[in-house]
Amino acid sequence: MEEPVTAGRARRRTRVTTVILRGALAALLMVATAPTRAWAAEPTPNLSQSIAADQPLATGRTTLATGHVDIGPRYVDDRWTLLIHDGTQAQPVWRDPDDTLLRVSDAALQTVPDDPAYAFLGIEAGKRAYVVPQVQDQDVVWLGWNTQDPRVMQTIDRGVTLSLLGVRGPGTLTTYLQSGNFAPPQPLWRSAETTAQPFWVEVNTHTHANWVFSAPGVYLVAVQVSADLVNGEKVSATRTLRFAVGDATSADEAFAAVADIPAPTGQEPSGEDPAAADEGAGGSRTPLIMALAGSAVVLALGLVFLLLRGRGARRRAEQERASASSGGQP
């Protein structure tokens, strides 16, 4: 006997509703678990290190032209500040940025690729630029950052915010990350921008990036490190990194340069959580994520209602078919 029309429709409606509901729930799960920012804490391979609490603060001027160097927060006489961690020698030390010159030699010269993915550099393809690479080159200083000082790790709440506040130099500076040969580059700092450019760094992080200078000369780079502490306090410090780019650039000129870097437009960032840091970097996706999640929840609830209604219709159709088969007998 042919199936009643109402039962067939109810079954088809139930199947369609089930498929849609599963899709909506899957979309909701994707929205709920999607990352809300691009993390700057993605480690470069083989960057495991630990920093001893008793590493000294070296004094006197020095120039670092090769080897492993990080910038990072540390306490000096109970004062939060930003220092340079010098790992170029067997016994690492911390250094004051005012007394430290980062030399980027001609060995760092590379040709800008003819690839639209690198248009953010603002340097014409085929031109030569000075590149401090993310992967170590033994002939070039290797510059990164860390949040691994023991006291820093004990006192900060989750991590710190590193911000570029401005650059003074004859060309542009761009800092970016790139994971592997085929991943797109992730710009972090661009001196061509006039606003403060923050990114979030998790506690116990050690990361290196690409630093690209468009021309030789002296560069002064104002960097701020901010954090919320576990005791509820907020701390912030701004220091200036000194670069001598190119073999012909004078170290004396670099040390004598005055850090008269204009303040960026907008409010300077303080210690922030990842979502707040992402918002300062150019607009948080958190409101969009919340809106999508809310829409998905409403859709899922509506589909649950339709599914239950479809099941009720199916039961009524089956009861009508059973009644028709038995000749209307109870």
C-alpha atoms as a PDB file:
ATOM      1  CA  MET A   1       0.000   0.000   0.000  1.00  0.00           C
ATOM      2  CA  GLU A   2       1.296   3.511  -0.830  1.00  0.00           C
ATOM      3  CA  GLU A   3       2.623   5.465   2.154  1.00  0.00           C
ATOM      4  CA  PRO A   4       0.353   8.323   3.229  1.00  0.00           C
ATOM      5  CA  VAL A   5       1.465  11.703   1.952  1.00  0.00           C
ATOM      6  CA  THR A   6       1.621  13.206   5.443  1.00  0.00           C
ATOM      7  CA  ALA A   7       4.004  10.474   6.722  1.00  0.00           C
ATOM      8  CA  GLY A   8       6.372  10.836   3.752  1.00  0.00           C
ATOM      9  CA  ARG A   9       6.492  14.567   4.119  1.00  0.00           C
ATOM     10  CA  ALA A  10       7.120  14.272   7.849  1.00  0.00           C
ATOM     11  CA  ARG A  11      10.013  11.864   7.315  1.00  0.00           C
ATOM     12  CA  ARG A  12      11.598  14.032   4.635  1.00  0.00           C
ATOM     13  CA  ARG A  13      11.202  17.104   6.799  1.00  0.00           C
ATOM     14  CA  THR A  14      12.783  15.269   9.745  1.00  0.00           C
ATOM     15  CA  ARG A  15      15.797  14.160   7.638  1.00  0.00           C
ATOM     16  CA  VAL A  16      16.350  17.672   6.257  1.00  0.00           C
ATOM     17  CA  THR A  17      16.007  19.238   9.675  1.00  0.00           C
ATOM     18  CA  THR A  18      18.480  16.746  11.161  1.00  0.00           C
ATOM     19  CA  VAL A  19      21.073  17.533   8.475  1.00  0.00           C
ATOM     20  CA  ILE A  20      20.641  21.283   8.939  1.00  0.00           C
ATOM     21  CA  LEU A  21      20.822  20.926  12.719  1.00  0.00           C
ATOM     22  CA  ARG A  22      24.054  18.945  12.532  1.00  0.00           C
ATOM     23  CA  GLY A  23      25.540  21.582  10.226  1.00  0.00           C
ATOM     24  CA  ALA A  24      24.474  24.391  12.533  1.00  0.00           C
ATOM     25  CA  LEU A  25      25.942  22.663  15.569  1.00  0.00           C
ATOM     26  CA  ALA A  26      29.193  22.049  13.682  1.00  0.00           C
ATOM     27  CA  ALA A  27      29.320  25.717  12.690  1.00  0.00           C
ATOM     28  CA  LEU A  28      28.659  26.708  16.291  1.00  0.00           C
ATOM     29  CA  LEU A  29      31.534  24.505  17.460  1.00  0.00           C
ATOM     30  CA  MET A  30      33.849  26.061  14.874  1.00  0.00           C
ATOM     31  CA  VAL A  31      32.875  29.571  15.982  1.00  0.00           C
ATOM     32  CA  ALA A  32      33.318  28.719  19.657  1.00  0.00           C
ATOM     33  CA  THR A  33      36.758  27.199  19.174  1.00  0.00           C
ATOM     34  CA  ALA A  34      38.141  29.500  16.473  1.00  0.00           C
ATOM     35  CA  PRO A  35      41.188  31.545  17.504  1.00  0.00           C
ATOM     36  CA  THR A  36      40.365  35.211  18.004  1.00  0.00           C
ATOM     37  CA  ARG A  37      43.781  36.609  17.137  1.00  0.00           C
ATOM     38  CA  ALA A  38      47.009  35.936  15.380  1.00  0.00           C
ATOM     39  CA  TRP A  39      49.424  35.003  18.159  1.00  0.00           C
ATOM     40  CA  ALA A  40      52.943  36.347  18.067  1.00  0.00           C
ATOM     41  CA  ALA A  41      53.956  33.639  20.440  1.00  0.00           C
ATOM     42  CA  GLU A  42      54.241  30.937  17.802  1.00  0.00           C
ATOM     43  CA  PRO A  43      57.721  29.518  18.463  1.00  0.00           C
ATOM     44  CA  THR A  44      60.388  29.143  15.827  1.00  0.00           C
ATOM     45  CA  PRO A  45      61.808  25.555  15.892  1.00  0.00           C
ATOM     46  CA  ASN A  46      64.829  24.885  18.149  1.00  0.00           C
ATOM     47  CA  LEU A  47      64.297  27.925  20.344  1.00  0.00           C
ATOM     48  CA  SER A  48      64.240  26.162  23.701  1.00  0.00           C
ATOM     49  CA  GLN A  49      66.149  28.091  26.348  1.00  0.00           C
ATOM     50  CA  SER A  50      65.964  29.001  29.996  1.00  0.00           C
ATOM     51  CA  ILE A  51      67.271  32.105  31.717  1.00  0.00           C
ATOM     52  CA  ALA A  52      68.854  32.035  35.155  1.00  0.00           C
ATOM     53  CA  ALA A  53      67.681  34.534  37.741  1.00  0.00           C
ATOM     54  CA  ASP A  54      71.242  35.575  38.577  1.00  0.00           C
ATOM     55  CA  GLN A  55      72.366  36.560  35.095  1.00  0.00           C
ATOM     56  CA  PRO A  56      74.122  39.901  35.578  1.00  0.00           C
ATOM     57  CA  LEU A  57      73.438  43.306  34.080  1.00  0.00           C
ATOM     58  CA  ALA A  58      76.556  44.213  32.104  1.00  0.00           C
ATOM     59  CA  THR A  59      77.841  47.781  32.006  1.00  0.00           C
ATOM     60  CA  GLY A  60      79.668  49.764  29.344  1.00  0.00           C
ATOM     61  CA  ARG A  61      78.985  50.280  25.667  1.00  0.00           C
ATOM     62  CA  THR A  62      79.019  47.298  23.329  1.00  0.00           C
ATOM     63  CA  THR A  63      78.187  46.490  19.720  1.00  0.00           C
ATOM     64  CA  LEU A  64      76.435  43.216  18.858  1.00  0.00           C
ATOM     65  CA  ALA A  65      76.916  42.246  15.201  1.00  0.00           C
ATOM     66  CA  THR A  66      76.404  38.459  15.275  1.00  0.00           C
ATOM     67  CA  GLY A  67      74.946  35.863  17.594  1.00  0.00           C
ATOM     68  CA  HIS A  68      71.818  35.394  19.640  1.00  0.00           C
ATOM     69  CA  VAL A  69      70.121  38.507  21.060  1.00  0.00           C
ATOM     70  CA  ASP A  70      66.651  39.020  22.591  1.00  0.00           C
ATOM     71  CA  ILE A  71      64.750  41.957  23.980  1.00  0.00           C
ATOM     72  CA  GLY A  72      62.665  41.221  27.033  1.00  0.00           C
ATOM     73  CA  PRO A  73      61.203  42.542  30.308  1.00  0.00           C
ATOM     74  CA  ARG A  74      63.168  42.341  33.532  1.00  0.00           C
ATOM     75  CA  TYR A  75      63.282  43.945  36.952  1.00  0.00           C
ATOM     76  CA  VAL A  76      66.273  46.126  37.827  1.00  0.00           C
ATOM     77  CA  ASP A  77      66.318  47.255  41.463  1.00  0.00           C
ATOM     78  CA  ASP A  78      62.636  46.269  41.679  1.00  0.00           C
ATOM     79  CA  ARG A  79      61.835  48.460  38.680  1.00  0.00           C
ATOM     80  CA  TRP A  80      60.104  46.984  35.618  1.00  0.00           C
ATOM     81  CA  THR A  81      62.034  47.706  32.443  1.00  0.00           C
ATOM     82  CA  LEU A  82      62.983  46.401  28.999  1.00  0.00           C
ATOM     83  CA  LEU A  83      66.523  45.115  28.464  1.00  0.00           C
ATOM     84  CA  ILE A  84      68.591  43.328  25.841  1.00  0.00           C
ATOM     85  CA  HIS A  85      69.490  39.725  26.633  1.00  0.00           C
ATOM     86  CA  ASP A  86      72.957  39.098  25.167  1.00  0.00           C
ATOM     87  CA  GLY A  87      73.487  35.416  24.406  1.00  0.00           C
ATOM     88  CA  THR A  88      76.406  35.955  22.047  1.00  0.00           C
ATOM     89  CA  GLN A  89      78.926  34.724  24.647  1.00  0.00           C
ATOM     90  CA  ALA A  90      79.218  31.540  26.675  1.00  0.00           C
ATOM     91  CA  GLN A  91      77.900  33.384  29.747  1.00  0.00           C
ATOM     92  CA  PRO A  92      74.736  35.342  28.822  1.00  0.00           C
ATOM     93  CA  VAL A  93      74.173  38.783  30.326  1.00  0.00           C
ATOM     94  CA  TRP A  94      71.525  41.508  30.231  1.00  0.00           C
ATOM     95  CA  ARG A  95      72.363  44.902  28.721  1.00  0.00           C
ATOM     96  CA  ASP A  96      70.936  48.395  28.847  1.00  0.00           C
ATOM     97  CA  PRO A  97      69.549  49.417  25.402  1.00  0.00           C
ATOM     98  CA  ASP A  98      71.145  52.859  25.828  1.00  0.00           C
ATOM     99  CA  ASP A  99      74.591  51.234  25.899  1.00  0.00           C
ATOM    100  CA  THR A 100      73.975  48.571  23.256  1.00  0.00           C
ATOM    101  CA  LEU A 101      74.251  48.946  19.498  1.00  0.00           C
ATOM    102  CA  LEU A 102      72.760  46.323  17.201  1.00  0.00           C
ATOM    103  CA  ARG A 103      74.896  46.211  14.071  1.00  0.00           C
ATOM    104  CA  VAL A 104      73.174  44.940  10.897  1.00  0.00           C
ATOM    105  CA  SER A 105      76.049  44.350   8.483  1.00  0.00           C
ATOM    106  CA  ASP A 106      76.072  44.173   4.693  1.00  0.00           C
ATOM    107  CA  ALA A 107      75.926  40.390   5.093  1.00  0.00           C
ATOM    108  CA  ALA A 108      72.226  40.920   5.802  1.00  0.00           C
ATOM    109  CA  LEU A 109      71.472  42.259   2.307  1.00  0.00           C
ATOM    110  CA  GLN A 110      68.797  40.300   0.461  1.00  0.00           C
ATOM    111  CA  THR A 111      66.723  40.891  -2.664  1.00  0.00           C
ATOM    112  CA  VAL A 112      63.044  41.625  -2.105  1.00  0.00           C
ATOM    113  CA  PRO A 113      61.067  38.848  -3.854  1.00  0.00           C
ATOM    114  CA  ASP A 114      58.700  39.578  -6.720  1.00  0.00           C
ATOM    115  CA  ASP A 115      55.725  38.279  -4.773  1.00  0.00           C
ATOM    116  CA  PRO A 116      52.520  40.189  -3.833  1.00  0.00           C
ATOM    117  CA  ALA A 117      52.657  38.506  -0.420  1.00  0.00           C
ATOM    118  CA  TYR A 118      55.540  40.835   0.489  1.00  0.00           C
ATOM    119  CA  ALA A 119      53.932  44.058  -0.682  1.00  0.00           C
ATOM    120  CA  PHE A 120      53.465  45.042   2.979  1.00  0.00           C
ATOM    121  CA  LEU A 121      57.212  45.724   3.129  1.00  0.00           C
ATOM    122  CA  GLY A 122      56.706  48.811   0.999  1.00  0.00           C
ATOM    123  CA  ILE A 123      59.943  48.033  -0.893  1.00  0.00           C
ATOM    124  CA  GLU A 124      59.979  47.538  -4.636  1.00  0.00           C
ATOM    125  CA  ALA A 125      60.518  43.943  -5.789  1.00  0.00           C
ATOM    126  CA  GLY A 126      64.095  43.308  -6.898  1.00  0.00           C
ATOM    127  CA  LYS A 127      65.544  45.974  -4.585  1.00  0.00           C
ATOM    128  CA  ARG A 128      68.056  45.069  -1.890  1.00  0.00           C
ATOM    129  CA  ALA A 129      67.139  45.382   1.775  1.00  0.00           C
ATOM    130  CA  TYR A 130      68.834  44.549   5.061  1.00  0.00           C
ATOM    131  CA  VAL A 131      67.181  41.524   6.681  1.00  0.00           C
ATOM    132  CA  VAL A 132      67.762  40.202  10.176  1.00  0.00           C
ATOM    133  CA  PRO A 133      66.256  36.761   9.518  1.00  0.00           C
ATOM    134  CA  GLN A 134      63.888  34.722  11.632  1.00  0.00           C
ATOM    135  CA  VAL A 135      66.131  31.686  11.139  1.00  0.00           C
ATOM    136  CA  GLN A 136      69.662  32.312  12.358  1.00  0.00           C
ATOM    137  CA  ASP A 137      72.358  33.408   9.913  1.00  0.00           C
ATOM    138  CA  GLN A 138      75.774  33.071  11.546  1.00  0.00           C
ATOM    139  CA  ASP A 139      76.969  36.263   9.801  1.00  0.00           C
ATOM    140  CA  VAL A 140      74.055  38.436  10.997  1.00  0.00           C
ATOM    141  CA  VAL A 141      72.854  39.413  14.456  1.00  0.00           C
ATOM    142  CA  TRP A 142      69.891  37.205  15.419  1.00  0.00           C
ATOM    143  CA  LEU A 143      67.275  39.333  17.150  1.00  0.00           C
ATOM    144  CA  GLY A 144      64.134  38.129  18.909  1.00  0.00           C
ATOM    145  CA  TRP A 145      62.280  38.544  22.205  1.00  0.00           C
ATOM    146  CA  ASN A 146      61.610  36.515  25.330  1.00  0.00           C
ATOM    147  CA  THR A 147      59.469  36.589  28.470  1.00  0.00           C
ATOM    148  CA  GLN A 148      61.616  34.099  30.373  1.00  0.00           C
ATOM    149  CA  ASP A 149      63.231  36.016  33.205  1.00  0.00           C
ATOM    150  CA  PRO A 150      62.256  34.003  36.331  1.00  0.00           C
ATOM    151  CA  ARG A 151      60.897  36.962  38.293  1.00  0.00           C
ATOM    152  CA  VAL A 152      58.957  38.182  35.255  1.00  0.00           C
ATOM    153  CA  MET A 153      57.376  34.749  34.843  1.00  0.00           C
ATOM    154  CA  GLN A 154      56.384  34.698  38.531  1.00  0.00           C
ATOM    155  CA  THR A 155      54.778  38.141  38.587  1.00  0.00           C
ATOM    156  CA  ILE A 156      53.033  38.749  35.244  1.00  0.00           C
ATOM    157  CA  ASP A 157      49.477  37.667  34.555  1.00  0.00           C
ATOM    158  CA  ARG A 158      49.566  35.409  31.467  1.00  0.00           C
ATOM    159  CA  GLY A 159      51.921  37.537  29.379  1.00  0.00           C
ATOM    160  CA  VAL A 160      53.001  40.980  28.164  1.00  0.00           C
ATOM    161  CA  THR A 161      52.231  43.404  25.363  1.00  0.00           C
ATOM    162  CA  LEU A 162      55.114  44.511  23.145  1.00  0.00           C
ATOM    163  CA  SER A 163      54.381  47.705  21.221  1.00  0.00           C
ATOM    164  CA  LEU A 164      56.214  49.627  18.549  1.00  0.00           C
ATOM    165  CA  LEU A 165      55.814  53.313  19.382  1.00  0.00           C
ATOM    166  CA  GLY A 166      57.888  54.800  16.604  1.00  0.00           C
ATOM    167  CA  VAL A 167      61.016  54.614  14.442  1.00  0.00           C
ATOM    168  CA  ARG A 168      63.531  57.291  13.504  1.00  0.00           C
ATOM    169  CA  GLY A 169      65.742  56.385  10.547  1.00  0.00           C
ATOM    170  CA  PRO A 170      66.594  56.926   6.883  1.00  0.00           C
ATOM    171  CA  GLY A 171      64.228  54.196   5.704  1.00  0.00           C
ATOM    172  CA  THR A 172      61.476  51.924   6.939  1.00  0.00           C
ATOM    173  CA  LEU A 173      61.528  49.057   9.407  1.00  0.00           C
ATOM    174  CA  THR A 174      59.140  46.107   9.134  1.00  0.00           C
ATOM    175  CA  THR A 175      59.034  43.166  11.529  1.00  0.00           C
ATOM    176  CA  TYR A 176      57.132  40.043  10.571  1.00  0.00           C
ATOM    177  CA  LEU A 177      56.774  36.345  11.358  1.00  0.00           C
ATOM    178  CA  GLN A 178      56.564  33.514   8.861  1.00  0.00           C
ATOM    179  CA  SER A 179      55.952  29.884   9.781  1.00  0.00           C
ATOM    180  CA  GLY A 180      57.601  27.673   7.148  1.00  0.00           C
ATOM    181  CA  ASN A 181      58.316  28.379   3.493  1.00  0.00           C
ATOM    182  CA  PHE A 182      54.702  28.280   2.297  1.00  0.00           C
ATOM    183  CA  ALA A 183      52.891  30.097   5.111  1.00  0.00           C
ATOM    184  CA  PRO A 184      51.952  33.726   4.438  1.00  0.00           C
ATOM    185  CA  PRO A 185      53.975  36.373   6.301  1.00  0.00           C
ATOM    186  CA  GLN A 186      52.405  37.875   9.423  1.00  0.00           C
ATOM    187  CA  PRO A 187      53.382  41.556   9.816  1.00  0.00           C
ATOM    188  CA  LEU A 188      53.806  42.722  13.414  1.00  0.00           C
ATOM    189  CA  TRP A 189      55.438  46.154  13.227  1.00  0.00           C
ATOM    190  CA  ARG A 190      55.593  48.621  10.325  1.00  0.00           C
ATOM    191  CA  SER A 191      57.324  51.961  10.839  1.00  0.00           C
ATOM    192  CA  ALA A 192      55.185  53.376   8.007  1.00  0.00           C
ATOM    193  CA  GLU A 193      52.192  53.219  10.385  1.00  0.00           C
ATOM    194  CA  THR A 194      51.617  56.204  12.659  1.00  0.00           C
ATOM    195  CA  THR A 195      49.731  54.403  15.430  1.00  0.00           C
ATOM    196  CA  ALA A 196      51.075  52.290  18.279  1.00  0.00           C
ATOM    197  CA  GLN A 197      51.356  48.676  17.150  1.00  0.00           C
ATOM    198  CA  PRO A 198      50.983  46.149  19.990  1.00  0.00           C
ATOM    199  CA  PHE A 199      51.098  42.379  19.978  1.00  0.00           C
ATOM    200  CA  TRP A 200      50.598  39.883  22.776  1.00  0.00           C
ATOM    201  CA  VAL A 201      53.414  37.629  24.044  1.00  0.00           C
ATOM    202  CA  GLU A 202      52.651  34.726  26.382  1.00  0.00           C
ATOM    203  CA  VAL A 203      54.711  34.112  29.498  1.00  0.00           C
ATOM    204  CA  ASN A 204      57.772  31.867  28.994  1.00  0.00           C
ATOM    205  CA  THR A 205      57.928  32.670  25.285  1.00  0.00           C
ATOM    206  CA  HIS A 206      61.068  32.841  23.139  1.00  0.00           C
ATOM    207  CA  THR A 207      60.503  33.946  19.538  1.00  0.00           C
ATOM    208  CA  HIS A 208      62.530  35.315  16.640  1.00  0.00           C
ATOM    209  CA  ALA A 209      61.217  37.264  13.650  1.00  0.00           C
ATOM    210  CA  ASN A 210      62.328  38.924  10.422  1.00  0.00           C
ATOM    211  CA  TRP A 211      63.473  42.558  10.760  1.00  0.00           C
ATOM    212  CA  VAL A 212      63.665  44.339   7.395  1.00  0.00           C
ATOM    213  CA  PHE A 213      65.396  47.720   6.954  1.00  0.00           C
ATOM    214  CA  SER A 214      64.878  49.432   3.612  1.00  0.00           C
ATOM    215  CA  ALA A 215      68.066  51.558   3.664  1.00  0.00           C
ATOM    216  CA  PRO A 216      71.403  51.819   5.500  1.00  0.00           C
ATOM    217  CA  GLY A 217      71.890  54.253   8.354  1.00  0.00           C
ATOM    218  CA  VAL A 218      71.086  54.808  12.020  1.00  0.00           C
ATOM    219  CA  TYR A 219      67.675  53.645  13.282  1.00  0.00           C
ATOM    220  CA  LEU A 220      66.198  54.386  16.697  1.00  0.00           C
ATOM    221  CA  VAL A 221      63.272  52.137  17.565  1.00  0.00           C
ATOM    222  CA  ALA A 222      60.983  52.963  20.522  1.00  0.00           C
ATOM    223  CA  VAL A 223      59.517  49.815  22.087  1.00  0.00           C
ATOM    224  CA  GLN A 224      57.128  49.576  25.014  1.00  0.00           C
ATOM    225  CA  VAL A 225      56.590  46.491  27.195  1.00  0.00           C
ATOM    226  CA  SER A 226      53.466  46.468  29.380  1.00  0.00           C
ATOM    227  CA  ALA A 227      51.815  43.892  31.606  1.00  0.00           C
ATOM    228  CA  ASP A 228      49.199  43.244  34.246  1.00  0.00           C
ATOM    229  CA  LEU A 229      50.736  41.653  37.333  1.00  0.00           C
ATOM    230  CA  VAL A 230      49.177  38.875  39.377  1.00  0.00           C
ATOM    231  CA  ASN A 231      48.824  41.297  42.311  1.00  0.00           C
ATOM    232  CA  GLY A 232      46.598  43.572  40.220  1.00  0.00           C
ATOM    233  CA  GLU A 233      49.201  46.225  39.416  1.00  0.00           C
ATOM    234  CA  LYS A 234      49.957  47.473  35.908  1.00  0.00           C
ATOM    235  CA  VAL A 235      53.526  48.050  34.750  1.00  0.00           C
ATOM    236  CA  SER A 236      54.953  49.623  31.618  1.00  0.00           C
ATOM    237  CA  ALA A 237      58.347  50.721  30.341  1.00  0.00           C
ATOM    238  CA  THR A 238      59.533  52.267  27.078  1.00  0.00           C
ATOM    239  CA  ARG A 239      63.101  51.915  25.792  1.00  0.00           C
ATOM    240  CA  THR A 240      64.890  52.756  22.566  1.00  0.00           C
ATOM    241  CA  LEU A 241      66.756  50.159  20.500  1.00  0.00           C
ATOM    242  CA  ARG A 242      69.732  51.452  18.493  1.00  0.00           C
ATOM    243  CA  PHE A 243      70.591  49.965  15.104  1.00  0.00           C
ATOM    244  CA  ALA A 244      73.538  50.712  12.821  1.00  0.00           C
ATOM    245  CA  VAL A 245      72.447  49.315   9.469  1.00  0.00           C
ATOM    246  CA  GLY A 246      75.174  48.780   6.871  1.00  0.00           C
ATOM    247  CA  ASP A 247      78.925  48.383   7.269  1.00  0.00           C
ATOM    248  CA  ALA A 248      79.558  52.063   6.502  1.00  0.00           C
ATOM    249  CA  THR A 249      77.249  53.365   9.266  1.00  0.00           C
ATOM    250  CA  SER A 250      79.154  54.935  12.140  1.00  0.00           C
ATOM    251  CA  ALA A 251      78.804  53.397  15.589  1.00  0.00           C
ATOM    252  CA  ASP A 252      79.661  56.758  17.172  1.00  0.00           C
ATOM    253  CA  GLU A 253      76.861  58.396  15.214  1.00  0.00           C
ATOM    254  CA  ALA A 254      74.441  55.713  16.333  1.00  0.00           C
ATOM    255  CA  PHE A 255      75.329  56.124  20.016  1.00  0.00           C
ATOM    256  CA  ALA A 256      75.133  59.913  19.722  1.00  0.00           C
ATOM    257  CA  ALA A 257      71.721  59.924  18.050  1.00  0.00           C
ATOM    258  CA  VAL A 258      68.940  61.512  20.094  1.00  0.00           C
ATOM    259  CA  ALA A 259      65.764  59.502  20.497  1.00  0.00           C
ATOM    260  CA  ASP A 260      63.332  62.286  19.566  1.00  0.00           C
ATOM    261  CA  ILE A 261      60.747  59.860  18.233  1.00  0.00           C
ATOM    262  CA  PRO A 262      57.256  61.398  17.894  1.00  0.00           C
ATOM    263  CA  ALA A 263      54.568  59.765  20.013  1.00  0.00           C
ATOM    264  CA  PRO A 264      52.162  57.612  17.988  1.00  0.00           C
ATOM    265  CA  THR A 265      48.636  58.790  17.377  1.00  0.00           C
ATOM    266  CA  GLY A 266      45.981  57.314  19.615  1.00  0.00           C
ATOM    267  CA  GLN A 267      46.301  55.994  23.130  1.00  0.00           C
ATOM    268  CA  GLU A 268      49.433  54.095  24.024  1.00  0.00           C
ATOM    269  CA  PRO A 269      48.623  50.523  25.081  1.00  0.00           C
ATOM    270  CA  SER A 270      49.147  49.206  28.580  1.00  0.00           C
ATOM    271  CA  GLY A 271      49.207  45.608  29.771  1.00  0.00           C
ATOM    272  CA  GLU A 272      46.446  43.789  27.937  1.00  0.00           C
ATOM    273  CA  ASP A 273      44.962  40.381  27.557  1.00  0.00           C
ATOM    274  CA  PRO A 274      45.132  38.746  24.103  1.00  0.00           C
ATOM    275  CA  ALA A 275      41.771  40.103  22.966  1.00  0.00           C
ATOM    276  CA  ALA A 276      42.601  43.651  24.031  1.00  0.00           C
ATOM    277  CA  ALA A 277      46.023  43.474  22.378  1.00  0.00           C
ATOM    278  CA  ASP A 278      44.393  42.319  19.161  1.00  0.00           C
ATOM    279  CA  GLU A 279      41.978  45.238  19.286  1.00  0.00           C
ATOM    280  CA  GLY A 280      44.843  47.683  19.694  1.00  0.00           C
ATOM    281  CA  ALA A 281      46.598  46.140  16.717  1.00  0.00           C
ATOM    282  CA  GLY A 282      43.810  47.075  14.350  1.00  0.00           C
ATOM    283  CA  GLY A 283      40.367  46.005  15.483  1.00  0.00           C
ATOM    284  CA  SER A 284      39.307  43.049  17.594  1.00  0.00           C
ATOM    285  CA  ARG A 285      37.334  40.229  16.096  1.00  0.00           C
ATOM    286  CA  THR A 286      35.753  39.472  19.467  1.00  0.00           C
ATOM    287  CA  PRO A 287      32.435  41.318  18.810  1.00  0.00           C
ATOM    288  CA  LEU A 288      32.104  39.566  15.453  1.00  0.00           C
ATOM    289  CA  ILE A 289      32.814  36.179  17.020  1.00  0.00           C
ATOM    290  CA  MET A 290      30.239  36.836  19.750  1.00  0.00           C
ATOM    291  CA  ALA A 291      27.641  37.926  17.205  1.00  0.00           C
ATOM    292  CA  LEU A 292      28.231  34.826  15.079  1.00  0.00           C
ATOM    293  CA  ALA A 293      28.082  32.601  18.144  1.00  0.00           C
ATOM    294  CA  GLY A 294      24.802  34.197  19.236  1.00  0.00           C
ATOM    295  CA  SER A 295      23.290  33.761  15.782  1.00  0.00           C
ATOM    296  CA  ALA A 296      24.381  30.141  15.691  1.00  0.00           C
ATOM    297  CA  VAL A 297      22.782  29.483  19.096  1.00  0.00           C
ATOM    298  CA  VAL A 298      19.485  31.049  17.965  1.00  0.00           C
ATOM    299  CA  LEU A 299      19.584  29.014  14.765  1.00  0.00           C
ATOM    300  CA  ALA A 300      20.322  25.813  16.635  1.00  0.00           C
ATOM    301  CA  LEU A 301      17.439  26.375  19.073  1.00  0.00           C
ATOM    302  CA  GLY A 302      15.082  27.109  16.192  1.00  0.00           C
ATOM    303  CA  LEU A 303      16.120  23.943  14.394  1.00  0.00           C
ATOM    304  CA  VAL A 304      15.668  21.891  17.559  1.00  0.00           C
ATOM    305  CA  PHE A 305      12.101  23.220  17.718  1.00  0.00           C
ATOM    306  CA  LEU A 306      11.518  22.288  14.069  1.00  0.00           C
ATOM    307  CA  LEU A 307      12.976  18.822  14.648  1.00  0.00           C
ATOM    308  CA  LEU A 308      10.687  18.170  17.595  1.00  0.00           C
ATOM    309  CA  ARG A 309       7.719  19.502  15.644  1.00  0.00           C
ATOM    310  CA  GLY A 310       8.640  17.233  12.714  1.00  0.00           C
ATOM    311  CA  ARG A 311       8.857  14.214  14.985  1.00  0.00           C
ATOM    312  CA  GLY A 312       5.414  15.034  16.383  1.00  0.00           C
ATOM    313  CA  ALA A 313       3.999  15.250  12.846  1.00  0.00           C
ATOM    314  CA  ARG A 314       5.616  11.916  11.994  1.00  0.00           C
ATOM    315  CA  ARG A 315       4.046  10.226  15.025  1.00  0.00           C
ATOM    316  CA  ARG A 316       0.609  11.590  14.099  1.00  0.00           C
ATOM    317  CA  ALA A 317       1.045  10.370  10.509  1.00  0.00           C
ATOM    318  CA  GLU A 318       2.043   6.892  11.705  1.00  0.00           C
ATOM    319  CA  GLN A 319      -0.968   6.794  14.025  1.00  0.00           C
ATOM    320  CA  GLU A 320      -3.258   7.786  11.117  1.00  0.00           C
ATOM    321  CA  ARG A 321      -1.723   5.082   8.909  1.00  0.00           C
ATOM    322  CA  ALA A 322      -2.097   2.467  11.635  1.00  0.00           C
ATOM    323  CA  SER A 323      -5.714   3.515  12.145  1.00  0.00           C
ATOM    324  CA  ALA A 324      -6.395   3.297   8.395  1.00  0.00           C
ATOM    325  CA  SER A 325      -4.820  -0.183   8.185  1.00  0.00           C
ATOM    326  CA  SER A 326      -6.991  -1.494  11.017  1.00  0.00           C
ATOM    327  CA  GLY A 327     -10.155  -0.115   9.456  1.00  0.00           C
ATOM    328  CA  GLY A 328     -10.553   2.568  12.082  1.00  0.00           C
ATOM    329  CA  GLN A 329     -10.622   0.071  14.971  1.00  0.00           C
ATOM    330  CA  PRO A 330      -9.002   1.196  18.190  1.00  0.00           C
END
